[in-house]
Amino acid sequence: MRFEWDEKKNRINQTKHGMDFRQATQITGLIFEADVREDYEEERWIGFGVIHATVVALVFTLPSEGVIRILSLRKADKDEQENYYRHAIGK
């Protein structure tokens, strides 16, 4: 699996969320689903996983086989963290 992103968007993400898209390569336990929060012009996915004991939210597209294009990476909010652990543990 190869990750790609727009470097300008990465710098904006770093300022806004304090996370560099390069950190996405360290995500473990990723659980994801279609991102239907809005009507996007492309198929987007939202996933939750762990980087160094912190639950994070990753928004991405799959532009071609074997490629993840990162759109956003941030620390998951409290509800997202609880949902992640419920699904990860299976309770």
PDB file of N, CA and C in Angstrom:
ATOM      1  N   MET A   1       0.852  -1.174   0.000  1.00  0.00           N
ATOM      2  CA  MET A   1       0.000   0.000   0.000  1.00  0.00           C
ATOM      3  C   MET A   1       0.899   1.238   0.000  1.00  0.00           C
ATOM      4  N   ARG A   2       0.583   2.166  -0.869  1.00  0.00           N
ATOM      5  CA  ARG A   2       1.350   3.397  -0.984  1.00  0.00           C
ATOM      6  C   ARG A   2       0.464   4.574  -0.584  1.00  0.00           C
ATOM      7  N   PHE A   3       1.028   5.511   0.177  1.00  0.00           N
ATOM      8  CA  PHE A   3       0.311   6.711   0.583  1.00  0.00           C
ATOM      9  C   PHE A   3       0.760   7.879  -0.284  1.00  0.00           C
ATOM     10  N   GLU A   4      -0.201   8.763  -0.607  1.00  0.00           N
ATOM     11  CA  GLU A   4       0.128  10.004  -1.306  1.00  0.00           C
ATOM     12  C   GLU A   4      -0.751  11.115  -0.754  1.00  0.00           C
ATOM     13  N   TRP A   5      -0.330  12.353  -0.991  1.00  0.00           N
ATOM     14  CA  TRP A   5      -1.088  13.514  -0.523  1.00  0.00           C
ATOM     15  C   TRP A   5      -0.572  14.761  -1.204  1.00  0.00           C
ATOM     16  N   ASP A   6      -1.342  15.809  -1.081  1.00  0.00           N
ATOM     17  CA  ASP A   6      -0.959  17.132  -1.541  1.00  0.00           C
ATOM     18  C   ASP A   6      -0.169  17.786  -0.403  1.00  0.00           C
ATOM     19  N   GLU A   7       1.045  18.212  -0.672  1.00  0.00           N
ATOM     20  CA  GLU A   7       1.900  18.760   0.384  1.00  0.00           C
ATOM     21  C   GLU A   7       1.334  20.055   0.969  1.00  0.00           C
ATOM     22  N   LYS A   8       0.682  20.884   0.147  1.00  0.00           N
ATOM     23  CA  LYS A   8       0.061  22.110   0.672  1.00  0.00           C
ATOM     24  C   LYS A   8      -1.036  21.740   1.674  1.00  0.00           C
ATOM     25  N   LYS A   9      -1.845  20.747   1.325  1.00  0.00           N
ATOM     26  CA  LYS A   9      -2.908  20.288   2.225  1.00  0.00           C
ATOM     27  C   LYS A   9      -2.300  19.709   3.511  1.00  0.00           C
ATOM     28  N   ASN A  10      -1.158  19.041   3.397  1.00  0.00           N
ATOM     29  CA  ASN A  10      -0.474  18.498   4.564  1.00  0.00           C
ATOM     30  C   ASN A  10      -0.039  19.616   5.515  1.00  0.00           C
ATOM     31  N   ARG A  11       0.512  20.690   4.962  1.00  0.00           N
ATOM     32  CA  ARG A  11       0.931  21.813   5.820  1.00  0.00           C
ATOM     33  C   ARG A  11      -0.278  22.448   6.516  1.00  0.00           C
ATOM     34  N   ILE A  12      -1.384  22.587   5.794  1.00  0.00           N
ATOM     35  CA  ILE A  12      -2.607  23.124   6.398  1.00  0.00           C
ATOM     36  C   ILE A  12      -3.075  22.195   7.511  1.00  0.00           C
ATOM     37  N   ASN A  13      -3.034  20.892   7.267  1.00  0.00           N
ATOM     38  CA  ASN A  13      -3.447  19.899   8.266  1.00  0.00           C
ATOM     39  C   ASN A  13      -2.559  19.981   9.513  1.00  0.00           C
ATOM     40  N   GLN A  14      -1.260  20.163   9.307  1.00  0.00           N
ATOM     41  CA  GLN A  14      -0.334  20.284  10.435  1.00  0.00           C
ATOM     42  C   GLN A  14      -0.682  21.489  11.302  1.00  0.00           C
ATOM     43  N   THR A  15      -1.001  22.599  10.663  1.00  0.00           N
ATOM     44  CA  THR A  15      -1.373  23.805  11.405  1.00  0.00           C
ATOM     45  C   THR A  15      -2.698  23.611  12.131  1.00  0.00           C
ATOM     46  N   LYS A  16      -3.667  23.035  11.441  1.00  0.00           N
ATOM     47  CA  LYS A  16      -5.015  22.889  11.997  1.00  0.00           C
ATOM     48  C   LYS A  16      -5.108  21.771  13.038  1.00  0.00           C
ATOM     49  N   HIS A  17      -4.473  20.620  12.760  1.00  0.00           N
ATOM     50  CA  HIS A  17      -4.650  19.438  13.619  1.00  0.00           C
ATOM     51  C   HIS A  17      -3.369  18.958  14.310  1.00  0.00           C
ATOM     52  N   GLY A  18      -2.235  19.555  13.966  1.00  0.00           N
ATOM     53  CA  GLY A  18      -0.983  19.157  14.603  1.00  0.00           C
ATOM     54  C   GLY A  18      -0.476  17.784  14.185  1.00  0.00           C
ATOM     55  N   MET A  19      -0.922  17.299  13.031  1.00  0.00           N
ATOM     56  CA  MET A  19      -0.492  15.982  12.571  1.00  0.00           C
ATOM     57  C   MET A  19      -0.012  16.059  11.127  1.00  0.00           C
ATOM     58  N   ASP A  20       1.106  15.396  10.869  1.00  0.00           N
ATOM     59  CA  ASP A  20       1.704  15.311   9.534  1.00  0.00           C
ATOM     60  C   ASP A  20       1.166  14.055   8.854  1.00  0.00           C
ATOM     61  N   PHE A  21       0.795  14.166   7.587  1.00  0.00           N
ATOM     62  CA  PHE A  21       0.261  13.019   6.860  1.00  0.00           C
ATOM     63  C   PHE A  21       1.233  11.836   6.863  1.00  0.00           C
ATOM     64  N   ARG A  22       2.533  12.080   6.992  1.00  0.00           N
ATOM     65  CA  ARG A  22       3.512  10.988   7.038  1.00  0.00           C
ATOM     66  C   ARG A  22       3.235  10.048   8.211  1.00  0.00           C
ATOM     67  N   GLN A  23       2.602  10.569   9.249  1.00  0.00           N
ATOM     68  CA  GLN A  23       2.281   9.744  10.420  1.00  0.00           C
ATOM     69  C   GLN A  23       1.266   8.654  10.089  1.00  0.00           C
ATOM     70  N   ALA A  24       0.501   8.831   9.031  1.00  0.00           N
ATOM     71  CA  ALA A  24      -0.513   7.834   8.656  1.00  0.00           C
ATOM     72  C   ALA A  24       0.113   6.475   8.375  1.00  0.00           C
ATOM     73  N   THR A  25       1.381   6.450   7.991  1.00  0.00           N
ATOM     74  CA  THR A  25       2.053   5.176   7.719  1.00  0.00           C
ATOM     75  C   THR A  25       2.230   4.350   8.994  1.00  0.00           C
ATOM     76  N   GLN A  26       2.019   4.968  10.151  1.00  0.00           N
ATOM     77  CA  GLN A  26       2.190   4.293  11.438  1.00  0.00           C
ATOM     78  C   GLN A  26       0.868   3.798  12.038  1.00  0.00           C
ATOM     79  N   ILE A  27      -0.245   4.024  11.369  1.00  0.00           N
ATOM     80  CA  ILE A  27      -1.555   3.636  11.907  1.00  0.00           C
ATOM     81  C   ILE A  27      -1.657   2.119  11.998  1.00  0.00           C
ATOM     82  N   THR A  28      -2.137   1.662  13.146  1.00  0.00           N
ATOM     83  CA  THR A  28      -2.433   0.240  13.329  1.00  0.00           C
ATOM     84  C   THR A  28      -3.916   0.097  13.660  1.00  0.00           C
ATOM     85  N   GLY A  29      -4.460  -1.080  13.381  1.00  0.00           N
ATOM     86  CA  GLY A  29      -5.848  -1.375  13.732  1.00  0.00           C
ATOM     87  C   GLY A  29      -6.868  -0.525  13.012  1.00  0.00           C
ATOM     88  N   LEU A  30      -6.600  -0.164  11.771  1.00  0.00           N
ATOM     89  CA  LEU A  30      -7.494   0.733  11.039  1.00  0.00           C
ATOM     90  C   LEU A  30      -8.839   0.073  10.739  1.00  0.00           C
ATOM     91  N   ILE A  31      -9.905   0.759  11.134  1.00  0.00           N
ATOM     92  CA  ILE A  31     -11.284   0.370  10.825  1.00  0.00           C
ATOM     93  C   ILE A  31     -11.858   1.513  10.006  1.00  0.00           C
ATOM     94  N   PHE A  32     -12.421   1.215   8.830  1.00  0.00           N
ATOM     95  CA  PHE A  32     -12.909   2.319   8.003  1.00  0.00           C
ATOM     96  C   PHE A  32     -14.222   1.966   7.323  1.00  0.00           C
ATOM     97  N   GLU A  33     -14.893   3.029   6.884  1.00  0.00           N
ATOM     98  CA  GLU A  33     -16.177   2.904   6.186  1.00  0.00           C
ATOM     99  C   GLU A  33     -16.321   4.078   5.237  1.00  0.00           C
ATOM    100  N   ALA A  34     -17.305   3.994   4.356  1.00  0.00           N
ATOM    101  CA  ALA A  34     -17.563   5.095   3.428  1.00  0.00           C
ATOM    102  C   ALA A  34     -17.895   6.360   4.221  1.00  0.00           C
ATOM    103  N   ASP A  35     -17.352   7.476   3.779  1.00  0.00           N
ATOM    104  CA  ASP A  35     -17.605   8.775   4.415  1.00  0.00           C
ATOM    105  C   ASP A  35     -18.792   9.417   3.707  1.00  0.00           C
ATOM    106  N   VAL A  36     -19.948   9.339   4.340  1.00  0.00           N
ATOM    107  CA  VAL A  36     -21.181   9.866   3.751  1.00  0.00           C
ATOM    108  C   VAL A  36     -21.701  11.091   4.510  1.00  0.00           C
ATOM    109  N   ARG A  37     -20.812  11.747   5.243  1.00  0.00           N
ATOM    110  CA  ARG A  37     -21.217  12.918   6.019  1.00  0.00           C
ATOM    111  C   ARG A  37     -21.687  14.056   5.129  1.00  0.00           C
ATOM    112  N   GLU A  38     -21.161  14.112   3.906  1.00  0.00           N
ATOM    113  CA  GLU A  38     -21.566  15.122   2.928  1.00  0.00           C
ATOM    114  C   GLU A  38     -21.620  14.456   1.563  1.00  0.00           C
ATOM    115  N   ASP A  39     -22.155  15.181   0.580  1.00  0.00           N
ATOM    116  CA  ASP A  39     -22.178  14.677  -0.784  1.00  0.00           C
ATOM    117  C   ASP A  39     -20.907  15.160  -1.481  1.00  0.00           C
ATOM    118  N   TYR A  40     -19.850  14.348  -1.414  1.00  0.00           N
ATOM    119  CA  TYR A  40     -18.582  14.702  -2.028  1.00  0.00           C
ATOM    120  C   TYR A  40     -18.620  14.342  -3.515  1.00  0.00           C
ATOM    121  N   GLU A  41     -17.753  14.933  -4.285  1.00  0.00           N
ATOM    122  CA  GLU A  41     -17.699  14.636  -5.709  1.00  0.00           C
ATOM    123  C   GLU A  41     -16.867  13.396  -6.003  1.00  0.00           C
ATOM    124  N   GLU A  42     -16.409  12.741  -4.973  1.00  0.00           N
ATOM    125  CA  GLU A  42     -15.611  11.529  -5.110  1.00  0.00           C
ATOM    126  C   GLU A  42     -15.955  10.597  -3.960  1.00  0.00           C
ATOM    127  N   GLU A  43     -15.632   9.337  -4.111  1.00  0.00           N
ATOM    128  CA  GLU A  43     -15.870   8.383  -3.032  1.00  0.00           C
ATOM    129  C   GLU A  43     -14.777   8.569  -1.983  1.00  0.00           C
ATOM    130  N   ARG A  44     -15.211   8.891  -0.768  1.00  0.00           N
ATOM    131  CA  ARG A  44     -14.274   9.100   0.337  1.00  0.00           C
ATOM    132  C   ARG A  44     -14.518   8.062   1.417  1.00  0.00           C
ATOM    133  N   TRP A  45     -13.471   7.836   2.179  1.00  0.00           N
ATOM    134  CA  TRP A  45     -13.508   6.889   3.282  1.00  0.00           C
ATOM    135  C   TRP A  45     -13.031   7.591   4.539  1.00  0.00           C
ATOM    136  N   ILE A  46     -13.593   7.187   5.682  1.00  0.00           N
ATOM    137  CA  ILE A  46     -13.119   7.683   6.971  1.00  0.00           C
ATOM    138  C   ILE A  46     -12.742   6.470   7.805  1.00  0.00           C
ATOM    139  N   GLY A  47     -11.564   6.542   8.377  1.00  0.00           N
ATOM    140  CA  GLY A  47     -11.083   5.423   9.172  1.00  0.00           C
ATOM    141  C   GLY A  47     -10.584   5.887  10.523  1.00  0.00           C
ATOM    142  N   PHE A  48     -10.558   4.947  11.437  1.00  0.00           N
ATOM    143  CA  PHE A  48     -10.054   5.208  12.776  1.00  0.00           C
ATOM    144  C   PHE A  48      -9.055   4.121  13.119  1.00  0.00           C
ATOM    145  N   GLY A  49      -7.942   4.536  13.683  1.00  0.00           N
ATOM    146  CA  GLY A  49      -6.898   3.606  14.071  1.00  0.00           C
ATOM    147  C   GLY A  49      -6.057   4.235  15.156  1.00  0.00           C
ATOM    148  N   VAL A  50      -4.926   3.632  15.432  1.00  0.00           N
ATOM    149  CA  VAL A  50      -4.089   4.075  16.546  1.00  0.00           C
ATOM    150  C   VAL A  50      -2.676   4.403  16.053  1.00  0.00           C
ATOM    151  N   ILE A  51      -2.162   5.537  16.509  1.00  0.00           N
ATOM    152  CA  ILE A  51      -0.767   5.919  16.314  1.00  0.00           C
ATOM    153  C   ILE A  51      -0.212   6.226  17.698  1.00  0.00           C
ATOM    154  N   HIS A  52       0.754   5.451  18.138  1.00  0.00           N
ATOM    155  CA  HIS A  52       1.393   5.668  19.449  1.00  0.00           C
ATOM    156  C   HIS A  52       0.362   5.871  20.565  1.00  0.00           C
ATOM    157  N   ALA A  53      -0.582   4.946  20.690  1.00  0.00           N
ATOM    158  CA  ALA A  53      -1.607   4.929  21.743  1.00  0.00           C
ATOM    159  C   ALA A  53      -2.636   6.058  21.628  1.00  0.00           C
ATOM    160  N   THR A  54      -2.665   6.767  20.512  1.00  0.00           N
ATOM    161  CA  THR A  54      -3.653   7.818  20.287  1.00  0.00           C
ATOM    162  C   THR A  54      -4.574   7.381  19.146  1.00  0.00           C
ATOM    163  N   VAL A  55      -5.886   7.428  19.382  1.00  0.00           N
ATOM    164  CA  VAL A  55      -6.839   7.105  18.331  1.00  0.00           C
ATOM    165  C   VAL A  55      -6.925   8.306  17.394  1.00  0.00           C
ATOM    166  N   VAL A  56      -6.792   8.036  16.110  1.00  0.00           N
ATOM    167  CA  VAL A  56      -6.815   9.092  15.107  1.00  0.00           C
ATOM    168  C   VAL A  56      -7.903   8.830  14.076  1.00  0.00           C
ATOM    169  N   ALA A  57      -8.309   9.897  13.405  1.00  0.00           N
ATOM    170  CA  ALA A  57      -9.270   9.818  12.303  1.00  0.00           C
ATOM    171  C   ALA A  57      -8.527  10.151  11.014  1.00  0.00           C
ATOM    172  N   LEU A  58      -8.713   9.297  10.021  1.00  0.00           N
ATOM    173  CA  LEU A  58      -8.059   9.457   8.731  1.00  0.00           C
ATOM    174  C   LEU A  58      -9.127   9.512   7.643  1.00  0.00           C
ATOM    175  N   VAL A  59      -9.155  10.591   6.865  1.00  0.00           N
ATOM    176  CA  VAL A  59     -10.063  10.702   5.727  1.00  0.00           C
ATOM    177  C   VAL A  59      -9.210  10.544   4.479  1.00  0.00           C
ATOM    178  N   PHE A  60      -9.685   9.684   3.563  1.00  0.00           N
ATOM    179  CA  PHE A  60      -8.876   9.381   2.396  1.00  0.00           C
ATOM    180  C   PHE A  60      -9.728   8.930   1.219  1.00  0.00           C
ATOM    181  N   THR A  61      -9.094   8.884   0.052  1.00  0.00           N
ATOM    182  CA  THR A  61      -9.686   8.313  -1.148  1.00  0.00           C
ATOM    183  C   THR A  61      -8.793   7.170  -1.601  1.00  0.00           C
ATOM    184  N   LEU A  62      -9.334   6.376  -2.520  1.00  0.00           N
ATOM    185  CA  LEU A  62      -8.573   5.275  -3.109  1.00  0.00           C
ATOM    186  C   LEU A  62      -8.525   5.524  -4.618  1.00  0.00           C
ATOM    187  N   PRO A  63      -7.600   6.387  -5.073  1.00  0.00           N
ATOM    188  CA  PRO A  63      -7.593   6.786  -6.482  1.00  0.00           C
ATOM    189  C   PRO A  63      -7.221   5.670  -7.453  1.00  0.00           C
ATOM    190  N   SER A  64      -6.450   4.707  -6.985  1.00  0.00           N
ATOM    191  CA  SER A  64      -6.089   3.564  -7.817  1.00  0.00           C
ATOM    192  C   SER A  64      -5.690   2.410  -6.904  1.00  0.00           C
ATOM    193  N   GLU A  65      -5.599   1.235  -7.471  1.00  0.00           N
ATOM    194  CA  GLU A  65      -5.292   0.048  -6.678  1.00  0.00           C
ATOM    195  C   GLU A  65      -3.951   0.214  -5.962  1.00  0.00           C
ATOM    196  N   GLY A  66      -3.976  -0.038  -4.665  1.00  0.00           N
ATOM    197  CA  GLY A  66      -2.758   0.031  -3.868  1.00  0.00           C
ATOM    198  C   GLY A  66      -2.349   1.415  -3.423  1.00  0.00           C
ATOM    199  N   VAL A  67      -3.214   2.422  -3.655  1.00  0.00           N
ATOM    200  CA  VAL A  67      -2.875   3.809  -3.308  1.00  0.00           C
ATOM    201  C   VAL A  67      -3.934   4.389  -2.381  1.00  0.00           C
ATOM    202  N   ILE A  68      -3.484   4.981  -1.286  1.00  0.00           N
ATOM    203  CA  ILE A  68      -4.345   5.729  -0.366  1.00  0.00           C
ATOM    204  C   ILE A  68      -3.943   7.193  -0.473  1.00  0.00           C
ATOM    205  N   ARG A  69      -4.887   8.041  -0.873  1.00  0.00           N
ATOM    206  CA  ARG A  69      -4.629   9.485  -0.951  1.00  0.00           C
ATOM    207  C   ARG A  69      -5.228  10.136   0.289  1.00  0.00           C
ATOM    208  N   ILE A  70      -4.372  10.676   1.130  1.00  0.00           N
ATOM    209  CA  ILE A  70      -4.788  11.252   2.406  1.00  0.00           C
ATOM    210  C   ILE A  70      -5.335  12.657   2.196  1.00  0.00           C
ATOM    211  N   LEU A  71      -6.504  12.897   2.815  1.00  0.00           N
ATOM    212  CA  LEU A  71      -7.141  14.209   2.768  1.00  0.00           C
ATOM    213  C   LEU A  71      -7.102  14.907   4.119  1.00  0.00           C
ATOM    214  N   SER A  72      -7.106  14.128   5.206  1.00  0.00           N
ATOM    215  CA  SER A  72      -7.102  14.698   6.552  1.00  0.00           C
ATOM    216  C   SER A  72      -6.635  13.645   7.545  1.00  0.00           C
ATOM    217  N   LEU A  73      -5.902  14.083   8.558  1.00  0.00           N
ATOM    218  CA  LEU A  73      -5.477  13.230   9.661  1.00  0.00           C
ATOM    219  C   LEU A  73      -5.538  14.068  10.930  1.00  0.00           C
ATOM    220  N   ARG A  74      -6.262  13.556  11.917  1.00  0.00           N
ATOM    221  CA  ARG A  74      -6.416  14.310  13.168  1.00  0.00           C
ATOM    222  C   ARG A  74      -6.649  13.342  14.323  1.00  0.00           C
ATOM    223  N   LYS A  75      -6.495  13.861  15.531  1.00  0.00           N
ATOM    224  CA  LYS A  75      -6.835  13.079  16.714  1.00  0.00           C
ATOM    225  C   LYS A  75      -8.355  12.897  16.735  1.00  0.00           C
ATOM    226  N   ALA A  76      -8.808  11.684  17.014  1.00  0.00           N
ATOM    227  CA  ALA A  76     -10.244  11.409  17.103  1.00  0.00           C
ATOM    228  C   ALA A  76     -10.827  12.113  18.323  1.00  0.00           C
ATOM    229  N   ASP A  77     -12.081  12.575  18.183  1.00  0.00           N
ATOM    230  CA  ASP A  77     -12.735  13.192  19.338  1.00  0.00           C
ATOM    231  C   ASP A  77     -13.172  12.090  20.314  1.00  0.00           C
ATOM    232  N   LYS A  78     -13.684  12.490  21.453  1.00  0.00           N
ATOM    233  CA  LYS A  78     -14.015  11.536  22.510  1.00  0.00           C
ATOM    234  C   LYS A  78     -15.019  10.473  22.044  1.00  0.00           C
ATOM    235  N   ASP A  79     -16.090  10.885  21.370  1.00  0.00           N
ATOM    236  CA  ASP A  79     -17.082   9.918  20.879  1.00  0.00           C
ATOM    237  C   ASP A  79     -16.466   8.955  19.870  1.00  0.00           C
ATOM    238  N   GLU A  80     -15.639   9.476  18.977  1.00  0.00           N
ATOM    239  CA  GLU A  80     -14.985   8.635  17.985  1.00  0.00           C
ATOM    240  C   GLU A  80     -14.050   7.626  18.648  1.00  0.00           C
ATOM    241  N   GLN A  81     -13.350   8.060  19.689  1.00  0.00           N
ATOM    242  CA  GLN A  81     -12.457   7.150  20.416  1.00  0.00           C
ATOM    243  C   GLN A  81     -13.251   6.021  21.060  1.00  0.00           C
ATOM    244  N   GLU A  82     -14.346   6.374  21.715  1.00  0.00           N
ATOM    245  CA  GLU A  82     -15.178   5.354  22.360  1.00  0.00           C
ATOM    246  C   GLU A  82     -15.741   4.376  21.340  1.00  0.00           C
ATOM    247  N   ASN A  83     -16.224   4.881  20.199  1.00  0.00           N
ATOM    248  CA  ASN A  83     -16.740   4.010  19.143  1.00  0.00           C
ATOM    249  C   ASN A  83     -15.650   3.105  18.595  1.00  0.00           C
ATOM    250  N   TYR A  84     -14.466   3.651  18.428  1.00  0.00           N
ATOM    251  CA  TYR A  84     -13.356   2.848  17.912  1.00  0.00           C
ATOM    252  C   TYR A  84     -13.074   1.676  18.860  1.00  0.00           C
ATOM    253  N   TYR A  85     -12.943   1.967  20.146  1.00  0.00           N
ATOM    254  CA  TYR A  85     -12.628   0.894  21.094  1.00  0.00           C
ATOM    255  C   TYR A  85     -13.756  -0.130  21.182  1.00  0.00           C
ATOM    256  N   ARG A  86     -14.996   0.322  21.087  1.00  0.00           N
ATOM    257  CA  ARG A  86     -16.128  -0.623  21.082  1.00  0.00           C
ATOM    258  C   ARG A  86     -16.021  -1.581  19.896  1.00  0.00           C
ATOM    259  N   HIS A  87     -15.732  -1.045  18.728  1.00  0.00           N
ATOM    260  CA  HIS A  87     -15.637  -1.890  17.529  1.00  0.00           C
ATOM    261  C   HIS A  87     -14.356  -2.728  17.539  1.00  0.00           C
ATOM    262  N   ALA A  88     -13.265  -2.150  17.997  1.00  0.00           N
ATOM    263  CA  ALA A  88     -11.992  -2.868  17.999  1.00  0.00           C
ATOM    264  C   ALA A  88     -12.013  -4.040  18.960  1.00  0.00           C
ATOM    265  N   ILE A  89     -12.693  -3.858  20.089  1.00  0.00           N
ATOM    266  CA  ILE A  89     -12.765  -4.914  21.095  1.00  0.00           C
ATOM    267  C   ILE A  89     -13.948  -5.840  20.816  1.00  0.00           C
ATOM    268  N   GLY A  90     -14.911  -5.351  20.054  1.00  0.00           N
ATOM    269  CA  GLY A  90     -16.068  -6.169  19.702  1.00  0.00           C
ATOM    270  C   GLY A  90     -17.175  -6.133  20.722  1.00  0.00           C
ATOM    271  N   LYS A  91     -17.265  -5.066  21.500  1.00  0.00           N
ATOM    272  CA  LYS A  91     -18.321  -4.937  22.510  1.00  0.00           C
ATOM    273  C   LYS A  91     -19.254  -3.822  22.129  1.00  0.00           C
TER     274      LYS A  91
END
